[in-house]
Amino acid sequence: MTYETLCHRLSTCYEAGEAKALVRWVLDVRFDLSLADILCGKVTQLSADDQAELEKIMQRLEKGEPVQYIIGVADFAGRQFKVAPGVLIPRPETAELCEWVVSEAQNASQLLDIGTGSGCIAITLAAELPHAKVSAWDISDDALRIASGNASLLGANVTIEKHDILDTAIATDTQPIYDVIVSNPPYIKPSERDGMAKNVLDYEPGIALFAPEANPIIFYQKIAHFAWKNLREGGRLFFELNPLTSEAVGDDLRQLGFSDIEFRQDLYGKQRFLKATKI
């Protein structure tokens, strides 16, 4: 198998540039081949066992399975996180959200990530803000296990707990303790399924993707109510958004009493992030 042959095999599933990037990433992460090695033809020099493993990987890629699940890791904000089908694959857009939080939270002492998944947000914040106490919640046992493993692997001090933000009986502290609450909750309406990539629909966990069609901002509403009670004065709430419902989320926060609501676009020019302040 040559590099060119591998790329050509994925051309039916991916655009040429993406196919090349996928093959290079697999050869780098799993077989430790640099770009220079690849260009020098070392792909053809892999051992028989490695060639057999590479063939299995290619077959899974040709079926549309995300490469991150196949290899078991995903790159995010300069770090490598373990991932599995029980959690969403971290996206570059979410790394932009982390950058915004870090830039605004240099003096924060307590932060909470709601719906942590792989732990990519909480762990990144803990690494970039080592003076702060970071907590992370999720409802999924798979997510809690994976996030805990990533925290240990990356040496991040994160308190990881099981909570359901939709539980109306969720405990609130007698005194507000958080300076920052951040969340990338489920926000896709089921009616948007037709416009989604097949590999996302077939492999990533629906519980982390979809919100109820009847009220697609319910997770934002529940998190906002919790944040209003548990953020300190001047505390900030950060969300990753569905551009289709971002204005509705902003309106809901204003009705609650949040101030200085700011939207930001992601690297694709979509209204993807929000910051609100409790005054």
Foldseek 3Di string as FASTA:
>chain_A
DALVVLLVLCVVPDPSVVSSVLSQVCCCPPVVAHPVNRVVGCVVVDDPVVVVLVVVLSVCVSVVADSCQVSQWADALNDIAGDHQAFDHDDPQVSVLLVVCLVVCQPWAEEEEEACQLVRSQQSNCVSNVNHAYEYEHQDPVRLVNNVVRCVVVVGRYHYDYDDLPPPPDDADPQADGQEYEYAAAQDAPVCVVVDDPNCVVRHDPRRHYDYNVDRCVSLLSVLVRCLRRHDAFGKYKYFHDLVCVVVSVVSNVVVPWDPWDWDAGPVRGRTMIMTTHD
